Amino acid sequence: MPALVAMRFNPDLKAKYQAMIKAGKPPKVALTALMRKLIELANALIKANRNWVIKEA
């Protein structure tokens, strides 16, 4: 579920998803890539003892 929400509302992850779809990847594969990206991001934040900061437009 978090990957679906990120795909819709996070501009960076939405662009990544759209690029993968445009490259011919199946939607499930693109969604799985977003899941992995979210896990990597969460691990990096925890490792660096940082909080999530919303990127200002």
PDB file of N, CA and C in Angstrom:
ATOM      1  N   MET A   1       0.790  -1.202   0.000  1.00  0.00           N
ATOM      2  CA  MET A   1       0.000   0.000   0.000  1.00  0.00           C
ATOM      3  C   MET A   1       0.839   1.276   0.000  1.00  0.00           C
ATOM      4  N   PRO A   2       1.909   1.363   0.791  1.00  0.00           N
ATOM      5  CA  PRO A   2       2.695   2.603   0.766  1.00  0.00           C
ATOM      6  C   PRO A   2       3.248   2.922  -0.623  1.00  0.00           C
ATOM      7  N   ALA A   3       3.588   1.905  -1.382  1.00  0.00           N
ATOM      8  CA  ALA A   3       4.112   2.152  -2.726  1.00  0.00           C
ATOM      9  C   ALA A   3       3.034   2.736  -3.635  1.00  0.00           C
ATOM     10  N   LEU A   4       1.806   2.289  -3.467  1.00  0.00           N
ATOM     11  CA  LEU A   4       0.706   2.844  -4.270  1.00  0.00           C
ATOM     12  C   LEU A   4       0.480   4.315  -3.955  1.00  0.00           C
ATOM     13  N   VAL A   5       0.526   4.650  -2.680  1.00  0.00           N
ATOM     14  CA  VAL A   5       0.343   6.047  -2.269  1.00  0.00           C
ATOM     15  C   VAL A   5       1.509   6.888  -2.777  1.00  0.00           C
ATOM     16  N   ALA A   6       2.729   6.370  -2.640  1.00  0.00           N
ATOM     17  CA  ALA A   6       3.916   7.091  -3.111  1.00  0.00           C
ATOM     18  C   ALA A   6       3.842   7.316  -4.617  1.00  0.00           C
ATOM     19  N   MET A   7       3.354   6.317  -5.338  1.00  0.00           N
ATOM     20  CA  MET A   7       3.240   6.426  -6.791  1.00  0.00           C
ATOM     21  C   MET A   7       2.301   7.571  -7.174  1.00  0.00           C
ATOM     22  N   ARG A   8       1.288   7.811  -6.369  1.00  0.00           N
ATOM     23  CA  ARG A   8       0.305   8.847  -6.692  1.00  0.00           C
ATOM     24  C   ARG A   8       0.693  10.236  -6.211  1.00  0.00           C
ATOM     25  N   PHE A   9       1.354  10.325  -5.046  1.00  0.00           N
ATOM     26  CA  PHE A   9       1.515  11.626  -4.408  1.00  0.00           C
ATOM     27  C   PHE A   9       2.953  12.114  -4.248  1.00  0.00           C
ATOM     28  N   ASN A  10       3.954  11.251  -4.373  1.00  0.00           N
ATOM     29  CA  ASN A  10       5.345  11.675  -4.257  1.00  0.00           C
ATOM     30  C   ASN A  10       5.863  11.965  -5.668  1.00  0.00           C
ATOM     31  N   PRO A  11       6.211  13.223  -5.969  1.00  0.00           N
ATOM     32  CA  PRO A  11       6.607  13.572  -7.343  1.00  0.00           C
ATOM     33  C   PRO A  11       7.823  12.783  -7.854  1.00  0.00           C
ATOM     34  N   ASP A  12       8.816  12.547  -7.004  1.00  0.00           N
ATOM     35  CA  ASP A  12      10.009  11.815  -7.440  1.00  0.00           C
ATOM     36  C   ASP A  12       9.687  10.356  -7.759  1.00  0.00           C
ATOM     37  N   LEU A  13       8.954   9.715  -6.874  1.00  0.00           N
ATOM     38  CA  LEU A  13       8.617   8.307  -7.093  1.00  0.00           C
ATOM     39  C   LEU A  13       7.592   8.149  -8.220  1.00  0.00           C
ATOM     40  N   LYS A  14       6.723   9.134  -8.369  1.00  0.00           N
ATOM     41  CA  LYS A  14       5.768   9.100  -9.478  1.00  0.00           C
ATOM     42  C   LYS A  14       6.507   9.160 -10.809  1.00  0.00           C
ATOM     43  N   ALA A  15       7.514  10.022 -10.889  1.00  0.00           N
ATOM     44  CA  ALA A  15       8.309  10.134 -12.120  1.00  0.00           C
ATOM     45  C   ALA A  15       9.067   8.838 -12.390  1.00  0.00           C
ATOM     46  N   LYS A  16       9.601   8.222 -11.344  1.00  0.00           N
ATOM     47  CA  LYS A  16      10.313   6.952 -11.508  1.00  0.00           C
ATOM     48  C   LYS A  16       9.370   5.873 -12.022  1.00  0.00           C
ATOM     49  N   TYR A  17       8.173   5.801 -11.446  1.00  0.00           N
ATOM     50  CA  TYR A  17       7.178   4.819 -11.877  1.00  0.00           C
ATOM     51  C   TYR A  17       6.800   5.049 -13.344  1.00  0.00           C
ATOM     52  N   GLN A  18       6.512   6.291 -13.694  1.00  0.00           N
ATOM     53  CA  GLN A  18       6.117   6.607 -15.071  1.00  0.00           C
ATOM     54  C   GLN A  18       7.234   6.283 -16.062  1.00  0.00           C
ATOM     55  N   ALA A  19       8.476   6.546 -15.668  1.00  0.00           N
ATOM     56  CA  ALA A  19       9.608   6.244 -16.548  1.00  0.00           C
ATOM     57  C   ALA A  19       9.732   4.736 -16.785  1.00  0.00           C
ATOM     58  N   MET A  20       9.509   3.960 -15.736  1.00  0.00           N
ATOM     59  CA  MET A  20       9.594   2.505 -15.885  1.00  0.00           C
ATOM     60  C   MET A  20       8.469   1.967 -16.767  1.00  0.00           C
ATOM     61  N   ILE A  21       7.270   2.522 -16.601  1.00  0.00           N
ATOM     62  CA  ILE A  21       6.135   2.109 -17.437  1.00  0.00           C
ATOM     63  C   ILE A  21       6.403   2.485 -18.892  1.00  0.00           C
ATOM     64  N   LYS A  22       6.935   3.682 -19.087  1.00  0.00           N
ATOM     65  CA  LYS A  22       7.250   4.153 -20.443  1.00  0.00           C
ATOM     66  C   LYS A  22       8.317   3.280 -21.098  1.00  0.00           C
ATOM     67  N   ALA A  23       9.228   2.740 -20.276  1.00  0.00           N
ATOM     68  CA  ALA A  23      10.299   1.869 -20.783  1.00  0.00           C
ATOM     69  C   ALA A  23       9.793   0.456 -21.080  1.00  0.00           C
ATOM     70  N   GLY A  24       8.515   0.193 -20.780  1.00  0.00           N
ATOM     71  CA  GLY A  24       7.929  -1.093 -21.123  1.00  0.00           C
ATOM     72  C   GLY A  24       7.866  -2.095 -19.983  1.00  0.00           C
ATOM     73  N   LYS A  25       8.174  -1.655 -18.780  1.00  0.00           N
ATOM     74  CA  LYS A  25       8.088  -2.558 -17.630  1.00  0.00           C
ATOM     75  C   LYS A  25       6.622  -2.777 -17.256  1.00  0.00           C
ATOM     76  N   PRO A  26       6.284  -3.984 -16.835  1.00  0.00           N
ATOM     77  CA  PRO A  26       4.914  -4.221 -16.367  1.00  0.00           C
ATOM     78  C   PRO A  26       4.642  -3.418 -15.090  1.00  0.00           C
ATOM     79  N   PRO A  27       3.388  -3.018 -14.863  1.00  0.00           N
ATOM     80  CA  PRO A  27       3.067  -2.220 -13.677  1.00  0.00           C
ATOM     81  C   PRO A  27       3.488  -2.865 -12.356  1.00  0.00           C
ATOM     82  N   LYS A  28       3.362  -4.191 -12.243  1.00  0.00           N
ATOM     83  CA  LYS A  28       3.759  -4.863 -10.998  1.00  0.00           C
ATOM     84  C   LYS A  28       5.266  -4.755 -10.769  1.00  0.00           C
ATOM     85  N   VAL A  29       6.040  -4.828 -11.815  1.00  0.00           N
ATOM     86  CA  VAL A  29       7.494  -4.706 -11.693  1.00  0.00           C
ATOM     87  C   VAL A  29       7.857  -3.290 -11.263  1.00  0.00           C
ATOM     88  N   ALA A  30       7.219  -2.294 -11.861  1.00  0.00           N
ATOM     89  CA  ALA A  30       7.476  -0.901 -11.501  1.00  0.00           C
ATOM     90  C   ALA A  30       7.068  -0.631 -10.057  1.00  0.00           C
ATOM     91  N   LEU A  31       5.955  -1.199  -9.630  1.00  0.00           N
ATOM     92  CA  LEU A  31       5.496  -1.028  -8.259  1.00  0.00           C
ATOM     93  C   LEU A  31       6.449  -1.693  -7.270  1.00  0.00           C
ATOM     94  N   THR A  32       6.959  -2.855  -7.631  1.00  0.00           N
ATOM     95  CA  THR A  32       7.934  -3.545  -6.785  1.00  0.00           C
ATOM     96  C   THR A  32       9.216  -2.734  -6.668  1.00  0.00           C
ATOM     97  N   ALA A  33       9.620  -2.075  -7.733  1.00  0.00           N
ATOM     98  CA  ALA A  33      10.801  -1.209  -7.686  1.00  0.00           C
ATOM     99  C   ALA A  33      10.575  -0.040  -6.730  1.00  0.00           C
ATOM    100  N   LEU A  34       9.357   0.500  -6.713  1.00  0.00           N
ATOM    101  CA  LEU A  34       9.037   1.574  -5.772  1.00  0.00           C
ATOM    102  C   LEU A  34       9.066   1.069  -4.335  1.00  0.00           C
ATOM    103  N   MET A  35       8.576  -0.149  -4.121  1.00  0.00           N
ATOM    104  CA  MET A  35       8.632  -0.743  -2.781  1.00  0.00           C
ATOM    105  C   MET A  35      10.078  -0.821  -2.299  1.00  0.00           C
ATOM    106  N   ARG A  36      10.939  -1.307  -3.171  1.00  0.00           N
ATOM    107  CA  ARG A  36      12.351  -1.421  -2.811  1.00  0.00           C
ATOM    108  C   ARG A  36      12.960  -0.049  -2.535  1.00  0.00           C
ATOM    109  N   LYS A  37      12.618   0.916  -3.350  1.00  0.00           N
ATOM    110  CA  LYS A  37      13.125   2.278  -3.180  1.00  0.00           C
ATOM    111  C   LYS A  37      12.693   2.854  -1.821  1.00  0.00           C
ATOM    112  N   LEU A  38      11.442   2.613  -1.436  1.00  0.00           N
ATOM    113  CA  LEU A  38      10.952   3.094  -0.148  1.00  0.00           C
ATOM    114  C   LEU A  38      11.699   2.432   1.020  1.00  0.00           C
ATOM    115  N   ILE A  39      11.962   1.135   0.888  1.00  0.00           N
ATOM    116  CA  ILE A  39      12.704   0.426   1.940  1.00  0.00           C
ATOM    117  C   ILE A  39      14.129   0.966   2.040  1.00  0.00           C
ATOM    118  N   GLU A  40      14.774   1.178   0.899  1.00  0.00           N
ATOM    119  CA  GLU A  40      16.138   1.733   0.904  1.00  0.00           C
ATOM    120  C   GLU A  40      16.147   3.130   1.528  1.00  0.00           C
ATOM    121  N   LEU A  41      15.158   3.932   1.217  1.00  0.00           N
ATOM    122  CA  LEU A  41      15.061   5.280   1.765  1.00  0.00           C
ATOM    123  C   LEU A  41      14.858   5.239   3.283  1.00  0.00           C
ATOM    124  N   ALA A  42      13.967   4.372   3.736  1.00  0.00           N
ATOM    125  CA  ALA A  42      13.720   4.246   5.174  1.00  0.00           C
ATOM    126  C   ALA A  42      14.983   3.773   5.899  1.00  0.00           C
ATOM    127  N   ASN A  43      15.678   2.807   5.342  1.00  0.00           N
ATOM    128  CA  ASN A  43      16.910   2.318   5.961  1.00  0.00           C
ATOM    129  C   ASN A  43      17.974   3.404   6.024  1.00  0.00           C
ATOM    130  N   ALA A  44      18.094   4.194   4.976  1.00  0.00           N
ATOM    131  CA  ALA A  44      19.081   5.279   4.957  1.00  0.00           C
ATOM    132  C   ALA A  44      18.762   6.330   6.018  1.00  0.00           C
ATOM    133  N   LEU A  45      17.478   6.659   6.170  1.00  0.00           N
ATOM    134  CA  LEU A  45      17.078   7.639   7.177  1.00  0.00           C
ATOM    135  C   LEU A  45      17.355   7.126   8.587  1.00  0.00           C
ATOM    136  N   ILE A  46      17.055   5.862   8.823  1.00  0.00           N
ATOM    137  CA  ILE A  46      17.295   5.282  10.144  1.00  0.00           C
ATOM    138  C   ILE A  46      18.797   5.222  10.438  1.00  0.00           C
ATOM    139  N   LYS A  47      19.570   4.791   9.456  1.00  0.00           N
ATOM    140  CA  LYS A  47      21.017   4.669   9.632  1.00  0.00           C
ATOM    141  C   LYS A  47      21.655   6.020   9.946  1.00  0.00           C
ATOM    142  N   ALA A  48      21.173   7.082   9.301  1.00  0.00           N
ATOM    143  CA  ALA A  48      21.727   8.420   9.499  1.00  0.00           C
ATOM    144  C   ALA A  48      21.049   9.163  10.648  1.00  0.00           C
ATOM    145  N   ASN A  49      20.086   8.507  11.300  1.00  0.00           N
ATOM    146  CA  ASN A  49      19.347   9.103  12.409  1.00  0.00           C
ATOM    147  C   ASN A  49      18.712  10.437  11.993  1.00  0.00           C
ATOM    148  N   ARG A  50      18.045  10.405  10.823  1.00  0.00           N
ATOM    149  CA  ARG A  50      17.394  11.599  10.286  1.00  0.00           C
ATOM    150  C   ARG A  50      15.903  11.382  10.192  1.00  0.00           C
ATOM    151  N   ASN A  51      15.158  12.454  10.114  1.00  0.00           N
ATOM    152  CA  ASN A  51      13.726  12.418   9.897  1.00  0.00           C
ATOM    153  C   ASN A  51      13.428  12.733   8.438  1.00  0.00           C
ATOM    154  N   TRP A  52      12.258  12.295   7.993  1.00  0.00           N
ATOM    155  CA  TRP A  52      11.812  12.594   6.649  1.00  0.00           C
ATOM    156  C   TRP A  52      11.523  14.090   6.555  1.00  0.00           C
ATOM    157  N   VAL A  53      12.016  14.743   5.511  1.00  0.00           N
ATOM    158  CA  VAL A  53      11.769  16.156   5.278  1.00  0.00           C
ATOM    159  C   VAL A  53      11.098  16.293   3.924  1.00  0.00           C
ATOM    160  N   ILE A  54       9.967  16.951   3.924  1.00  0.00           N
ATOM    161  CA  ILE A  54       9.224  17.140   2.671  1.00  0.00           C
ATOM    162  C   ILE A  54       9.960  18.146   1.804  1.00  0.00           C
ATOM    163  N   LYS A  55      10.162  17.793   0.549  1.00  0.00           N
ATOM    164  CA  LYS A  55      10.857  18.662  -0.383  1.00  0.00           C
ATOM    165  C   LYS A  55       9.926  19.802  -0.792  1.00  0.00           C
ATOM    166  N   GLU A  56      10.369  21.026  -0.582  1.00  0.00           N
ATOM    167  CA  GLU A  56       9.572  22.191  -0.951  1.00  0.00           C
ATOM    168  C   GLU A  56       9.669  22.422  -2.445  1.00  0.00           C
ATOM    169  N   ALA A  57       8.555  22.795  -3.042  1.00  0.00           N
ATOM    170  CA  ALA A  57       8.516  22.992  -4.493  1.00  0.00           C
ATOM    171  C   ALA A  57       9.101  24.316  -4.908  1.00  0.00           C
TER     172      ALA A  57
END
